[in-house]
Protein backbone atom coordinates (compact mmCIF):
# COMPACT_ATOMS: atom_id res chain seq x y z
CA MET A 1 -5.59 4.05 4.55
CA ALA A 2 -5.40 4.74 0.82
CA ILE A 3 -2.02 3.04 0.37
CA ASP A 4 -3.33 -0.19 1.91
CA ALA A 5 -6.24 -0.22 -0.52
CA ARG A 6 -3.88 0.40 -3.43
CA ILE A 7 -1.61 -2.46 -2.31
CA ARG A 8 -4.62 -4.81 -2.08
CA GLU A 9 -5.72 -3.77 -5.57
CA LEU A 10 -2.24 -4.33 -7.01
CA LYS A 11 -1.93 -7.73 -5.29
CA ALA A 12 -5.27 -8.77 -6.78
CA ARG A 13 -4.10 -7.74 -10.26
CA HIS A 14 -0.82 -9.60 -9.64
CA SER A 15 -2.75 -12.76 -8.78
CA GLU A 16 -4.93 -12.36 -11.87
CA LEU A 17 -1.84 -12.07 -14.06
CA ASP A 18 -0.39 -15.17 -12.41
CA ALA A 19 -3.53 -17.13 -13.28
CA ARG A 20 -3.48 -15.82 -16.87
CA ILE A 21 0.16 -16.88 -17.22
CA ARG A 22 -0.63 -20.38 -15.94
CA ASN A 23 -3.52 -20.64 -18.42
CA GLU A 24 -1.34 -19.45 -21.31
CA VAL A 25 1.37 -21.98 -20.45
CA ARG A 26 -1.20 -24.81 -20.40
CA SER A 27 -2.73 -23.74 -23.69
CA PRO A 28 -1.94 -25.95 -26.69
CA ALA A 29 -1.32 -22.81 -28.74
CA THR A 30 1.12 -21.22 -26.30
CA ASP A 31 2.26 -17.77 -27.40
CA SER A 32 5.68 -17.13 -25.88
CA THR A 33 5.51 -13.43 -26.74
CA ARG A 34 2.21 -13.08 -24.88
CA ILE A 35 3.59 -15.00 -21.89
CA ALA A 36 6.66 -12.74 -21.78
CA GLU A 37 4.43 -9.65 -21.89
CA LEU A 38 2.29 -10.95 -19.02
CA LYS A 39 5.40 -11.78 -16.98
CA ARG A 40 6.78 -8.26 -17.51
CA LYS A 41 3.50 -6.77 -16.31
CA LYS A 42 3.49 -9.09 -13.30
CA LEU A 43 7.07 -8.11 -12.39
CA LYS A 44 6.24 -4.40 -12.71
CA LEU A 45 3.28 -4.87 -10.36
CA LYS A 46 5.49 -6.74 -7.88
CA GLU A 47 8.06 -3.94 -7.92
CA THR A 48 5.32 -1.34 -7.41
CA ILE A 49 3.88 -3.32 -4.49
CA GLU A 50 7.29 -3.69 -2.88
CA GLY A 51 7.92 0.03 -3.26
CA LEU A 52 4.64 0.87 -1.56
CA GLU A 53 5.28 -1.58 1.26
CA GLN A 54 8.68 -0.09 2.09
CA PRO A 55 8.69 2.21 5.09
CA ALA A 56 9.07 5.90 4.25
CA PRO A 57 12.58 7.26 4.78
CA GLY A 58 12.90 8.95 8.13
CA GLY A 59 9.58 7.50 9.17
């Protein structure tokens, strides 16, 4: 199903962002603006995933 593939793709991107955030936090030259941007992207992906995983109304 196309939606399942899309969810898998989004979850992979979410995991990649999580790893990038962890690396940024560990970096000696931590850029708080960059971390905030990555966290916003990660949250947006999470919201998109949750929306796709919700059952369709009336379905």
